Structure formats: structure tokens, C-alpha cells
Amino acid sequence: MQIDLTGKKALVTGASRGLGRAIALSLARAGADVVITYEKSVDKARGRR
């Protein structure tokens, strides 16, 4: 099932790792503009390890 979220906005908290990161990536792949929050690591939030 494909969902088109083009033009929609999403806020995902805790998106630097785990479930929050997976959700943020899925929303972005579906076309949403995603804003994320994270506690400590800018590098992890950007996908770097």
C-alpha cells in the first residue's frame, strides 16, 4: 500500500534513532516534509554513526 503525503508536514520526536528514525524516514519517502527533534546527537539525526 502506498500513501502519498506530498504537501503534508510531519513532526517526529526522538527521530535520531530507533522507531522515531524509521517513522521519519518512512514519512519522508511518502513525500512529507519532516521536522525532527532529538536529544543529543546531531550526527545520528543526520544519519551518521
PDB file of N, CA and C in Angstrom:
ATOM      1  N   MET A   1       0.845  -1.177   0.000  1.00  0.00           N
ATOM      2  CA  MET A   1       0.000   0.000   0.000  1.00  0.00           C
ATOM      3  C   MET A   1       0.889   1.238   0.000  1.00  0.00           C
ATOM      4  N   GLN A   2       0.627   2.151  -0.893  1.00  0.00           N
ATOM      5  CA  GLN A   2       1.387   3.394  -0.998  1.00  0.00           C
ATOM      6  C   GLN A   2       0.513   4.553  -0.526  1.00  0.00           C
ATOM      7  N   ILE A   3       1.102   5.423   0.260  1.00  0.00           N
ATOM      8  CA  ILE A   3       0.409   6.620   0.726  1.00  0.00           C
ATOM      9  C   ILE A   3       1.171   7.822   0.201  1.00  0.00           C
ATOM     10  N   ASP A   4       0.448   8.766  -0.402  1.00  0.00           N
ATOM     11  CA  ASP A   4       1.073   9.983  -0.910  1.00  0.00           C
ATOM     12  C   ASP A   4       0.879  11.097   0.115  1.00  0.00           C
ATOM     13  N   LEU A   5       1.976  11.523   0.712  1.00  0.00           N
ATOM     14  CA  LEU A   5       1.922  12.594   1.707  1.00  0.00           C
ATOM     15  C   LEU A   5       2.520  13.893   1.176  1.00  0.00           C
ATOM     16  N   THR A   6       2.600  14.007  -0.132  1.00  0.00           N
ATOM     17  CA  THR A   6       3.140  15.213  -0.743  1.00  0.00           C
ATOM     18  C   THR A   6       2.350  16.431  -0.272  1.00  0.00           C
ATOM     19  N   GLY A   7       3.082  17.453   0.174  1.00  0.00           N
ATOM     20  CA  GLY A   7       2.448  18.674   0.650  1.00  0.00           C
ATOM     21  C   GLY A   7       2.039  18.634   2.116  1.00  0.00           C
ATOM     22  N   LYS A   8       2.185  17.487   2.744  1.00  0.00           N
ATOM     23  CA  LYS A   8       1.855  17.358   4.168  1.00  0.00           C
ATOM     24  C   LYS A   8       3.106  17.604   4.998  1.00  0.00           C
ATOM     25  N   LYS A   9       2.909  17.986   6.240  1.00  0.00           N
ATOM     26  CA  LYS A   9       4.019  18.225   7.160  1.00  0.00           C
ATOM     27  C   LYS A   9       3.898  17.275   8.343  1.00  0.00           C
ATOM     28  N   ALA A  10       5.052  16.812   8.833  1.00  0.00           N
ATOM     29  CA  ALA A  10       5.057  15.885   9.968  1.00  0.00           C
ATOM     30  C   ALA A  10       6.132  16.302  10.957  1.00  0.00           C
ATOM     31  N   LEU A  11       5.835  16.151  12.230  1.00  0.00           N
ATOM     32  CA  LEU A  11       6.797  16.388  13.305  1.00  0.00           C
ATOM     33  C   LEU A  11       7.027  15.053  13.998  1.00  0.00           C
ATOM     34  N   VAL A  12       8.286  14.628  14.049  1.00  0.00           N
ATOM     35  CA  VAL A  12       8.623  13.359  14.691  1.00  0.00           C
ATOM     36  C   VAL A  12       9.616  13.644  15.809  1.00  0.00           C
ATOM     37  N   THR A  13       9.245  13.289  17.029  1.00  0.00           N
ATOM     38  CA  THR A  13      10.150  13.481  18.164  1.00  0.00           C
ATOM     39  C   THR A  13      10.997  12.229  18.350  1.00  0.00           C
ATOM     40  N   GLY A  14      12.201  12.410  18.848  1.00  0.00           N
ATOM     41  CA  GLY A  14      13.086  11.274  19.082  1.00  0.00           C
ATOM     42  C   GLY A  14      13.505  10.580  17.807  1.00  0.00           C
ATOM     43  N   ALA A  15      13.760  11.357  16.757  1.00  0.00           N
ATOM     44  CA  ALA A  15      13.983  10.771  15.435  1.00  0.00           C
ATOM     45  C   ALA A  15      15.437  10.483  15.098  1.00  0.00           C
ATOM     46  N   SER A  16      16.334  10.534  16.058  1.00  0.00           N
ATOM     47  CA  SER A  16      17.735  10.265  15.732  1.00  0.00           C
ATOM     48  C   SER A  16      18.062   8.776  15.738  1.00  0.00           C
ATOM     49  N   ARG A  17      17.152   7.952  16.260  1.00  0.00           N
ATOM     50  CA  ARG A  17      17.433   6.514  16.290  1.00  0.00           C
ATOM     51  C   ARG A  17      16.145   5.723  16.487  1.00  0.00           C
ATOM     52  N   GLY A  18      16.238   4.449  16.291  1.00  0.00           N
ATOM     53  CA  GLY A  18      15.142   3.538  16.578  1.00  0.00           C
ATOM     54  C   GLY A  18      13.863   3.800  15.810  1.00  0.00           C
ATOM     55  N   LEU A  19      12.754   3.635  16.514  1.00  0.00           N
ATOM     56  CA  LEU A  19      11.439   3.754  15.901  1.00  0.00           C
ATOM     57  C   LEU A  19      11.178   5.153  15.354  1.00  0.00           C
ATOM     58  N   GLY A  20      11.586   6.177  16.093  1.00  0.00           N
ATOM     59  CA  GLY A  20      11.395   7.549  15.618  1.00  0.00           C
ATOM     60  C   GLY A  20      12.088   7.798  14.291  1.00  0.00           C
ATOM     61  N   ARG A  21      13.317   7.285  14.156  1.00  0.00           N
ATOM     62  CA  ARG A  21      14.069   7.436  12.903  1.00  0.00           C
ATOM     63  C   ARG A  21      13.363   6.707  11.764  1.00  0.00           C
ATOM     64  N   ALA A  22      12.910   5.486  12.021  1.00  0.00           N
ATOM     65  CA  ALA A  22      12.215   4.709  11.000  1.00  0.00           C
ATOM     66  C   ALA A  22      10.937   5.413  10.544  1.00  0.00           C
ATOM     67  N   ILE A  23      10.215   5.979  11.478  1.00  0.00           N
ATOM     68  CA  ILE A  23       8.986   6.705  11.136  1.00  0.00           C
ATOM     69  C   ILE A  23       9.309   7.933  10.298  1.00  0.00           C
ATOM     70  N   ALA A  24      10.307   8.701  10.704  1.00  0.00           N
ATOM     71  CA  ALA A  24      10.688   9.907   9.960  1.00  0.00           C
ATOM     72  C   ALA A  24      11.099   9.561   8.536  1.00  0.00           C
ATOM     73  N   LEU A  25      11.885   8.512   8.369  1.00  0.00           N
ATOM     74  CA  LEU A  25      12.312   8.100   7.029  1.00  0.00           C
ATOM     75  C   LEU A  25      11.128   7.645   6.184  1.00  0.00           C
ATOM     76  N   SER A  26      10.210   6.902   6.767  1.00  0.00           N
ATOM     77  CA  SER A  26       9.029   6.439   6.036  1.00  0.00           C
ATOM     78  C   SER A  26       8.149   7.598   5.588  1.00  0.00           C
ATOM     79  N   LEU A  27       7.955   8.558   6.476  1.00  0.00           N
ATOM     80  CA  LEU A  27       7.157   9.734   6.116  1.00  0.00           C
ATOM     81  C   LEU A  27       7.821  10.525   4.997  1.00  0.00           C
ATOM     82  N   ALA A  28       9.137  10.676   5.072  1.00  0.00           N
ATOM     83  CA  ALA A  28       9.865  11.404   4.029  1.00  0.00           C
ATOM     84  C   ALA A  28       9.767  10.673   2.691  1.00  0.00           C
ATOM     85  N   ARG A  29       9.886   9.352   2.705  1.00  0.00           N
ATOM     86  CA  ARG A  29       9.763   8.571   1.464  1.00  0.00           C
ATOM     87  C   ARG A  29       8.378   8.717   0.848  1.00  0.00           C
ATOM     88  N   ALA A  30       7.370   8.925   1.698  1.00  0.00           N
ATOM     89  CA  ALA A  30       5.998   9.092   1.218  1.00  0.00           C
ATOM     90  C   ALA A  30       5.731  10.517   0.740  1.00  0.00           C
ATOM     91  N   GLY A  31       6.742  11.396   0.850  1.00  0.00           N
ATOM     92  CA  GLY A  31       6.610  12.744   0.310  1.00  0.00           C
ATOM     93  C   GLY A  31       6.377  13.844   1.318  1.00  0.00           C
ATOM     94  N   ALA A  32       6.281  13.517   2.589  1.00  0.00           N
ATOM     95  CA  ALA A  32       6.020  14.542   3.609  1.00  0.00           C
ATOM     96  C   ALA A  32       7.263  15.389   3.867  1.00  0.00           C
ATOM     97  N   ASP A  33       7.032  16.624   4.257  1.00  0.00           N
ATOM     98  CA  ASP A  33       8.100  17.477   4.780  1.00  0.00           C
ATOM     99  C   ASP A  33       8.207  17.132   6.260  1.00  0.00           C
ATOM    100  N   VAL A  34       9.361  16.626   6.684  1.00  0.00           N
ATOM    101  CA  VAL A  34       9.508  16.094   8.036  1.00  0.00           C
ATOM    102  C   VAL A  34      10.419  16.992   8.866  1.00  0.00           C
ATOM    103  N   VAL A  35       9.931  17.361  10.043  1.00  0.00           N
ATOM    104  CA  VAL A  35      10.722  18.084  11.035  1.00  0.00           C
ATOM    105  C   VAL A  35      10.987  17.099  12.160  1.00  0.00           C
ATOM    106  N   ILE A  36      12.256  17.007  12.584  1.00  0.00           N
ATOM    107  CA  ILE A  36      12.583  16.054  13.639  1.00  0.00           C
ATOM    108  C   ILE A  36      13.136  16.766  14.864  1.00  0.00           C
ATOM    109  N   THR A  37      12.985  16.123  16.002  1.00  0.00           N
ATOM    110  CA  THR A  37      13.648  16.565  17.225  1.00  0.00           C
ATOM    111  C   THR A  37      14.488  15.401  17.724  1.00  0.00           C
ATOM    112  N   TYR A  38      15.511  15.730  18.466  1.00  0.00           N
ATOM    113  CA  TYR A  38      16.392  14.706  19.008  1.00  0.00           C
ATOM    114  C   TYR A  38      17.010  15.259  20.272  1.00  0.00           C
ATOM    115  N   GLU A  39      17.516  14.380  21.121  1.00  0.00           N
ATOM    116  CA  GLU A  39      18.028  14.817  22.417  1.00  0.00           C
ATOM    117  C   GLU A  39      19.477  15.270  22.363  1.00  0.00           C
ATOM    118  N   LYS A  40      20.364  14.462  21.771  1.00  0.00           N
ATOM    119  CA  LYS A  40      21.784  14.744  21.925  1.00  0.00           C
ATOM    120  C   LYS A  40      22.591  14.799  20.641  1.00  0.00           C
ATOM    121  N   SER A  41      22.389  13.907  19.720  1.00  0.00           N
ATOM    122  CA  SER A  41      23.350  13.706  18.649  1.00  0.00           C
ATOM    123  C   SER A  41      22.888  14.253  17.300  1.00  0.00           C
ATOM    124  N   VAL A  42      23.494  15.337  16.864  1.00  0.00           N
ATOM    125  CA  VAL A  42      23.212  15.887  15.538  1.00  0.00           C
ATOM    126  C   VAL A  42      23.641  14.891  14.475  1.00  0.00           C
ATOM    127  N   ASP A  43      24.803  14.256  14.663  1.00  0.00           N
ATOM    128  CA  ASP A  43      25.293  13.293  13.681  1.00  0.00           C
ATOM    129  C   ASP A  43      24.326  12.122  13.512  1.00  0.00           C
ATOM    130  N   LYS A  44      23.790  11.594  14.602  1.00  0.00           N
ATOM    131  CA  LYS A  44      22.831  10.498  14.498  1.00  0.00           C
ATOM    132  C   LYS A  44      21.552  10.966  13.818  1.00  0.00           C
ATOM    133  N   ALA A  45      21.120  12.175  14.109  1.00  0.00           N
ATOM    134  CA  ALA A  45      19.910  12.703  13.487  1.00  0.00           C
ATOM    135  C   ALA A  45      20.091  12.849  11.982  1.00  0.00           C
ATOM    136  N   ARG A  46      21.311  13.118  11.551  1.00  0.00           N
ATOM    137  CA  ARG A  46      21.600  13.250  10.120  1.00  0.00           C
ATOM    138  C   ARG A  46      21.903  11.907   9.469  1.00  0.00           C
ATOM    139  N   GLY A  47      21.866  10.847  10.242  1.00  0.00           N
ATOM    140  CA  GLY A  47      22.094   9.521   9.690  1.00  0.00           C
ATOM    141  C   GLY A  47      23.532   9.058   9.751  1.00  0.00           C
ATOM    142  N   ARG A  48      24.391   9.824  10.402  1.00  0.00           N
ATOM    143  CA  ARG A  48      25.787   9.425  10.566  1.00  0.00           C
ATOM    144  C   ARG A  48      25.924   8.646  11.856  1.00  0.00           C
ATOM    145  N   ARG A  49      26.912   7.785  11.902  1.00  0.00           N
ATOM    146  CA  ARG A  49      27.137   6.998  13.123  1.00  0.00           C
ATOM    147  C   ARG A  49      28.498   7.280  13.673  1.00  0.00           C
TER     148      ARG A  49
END
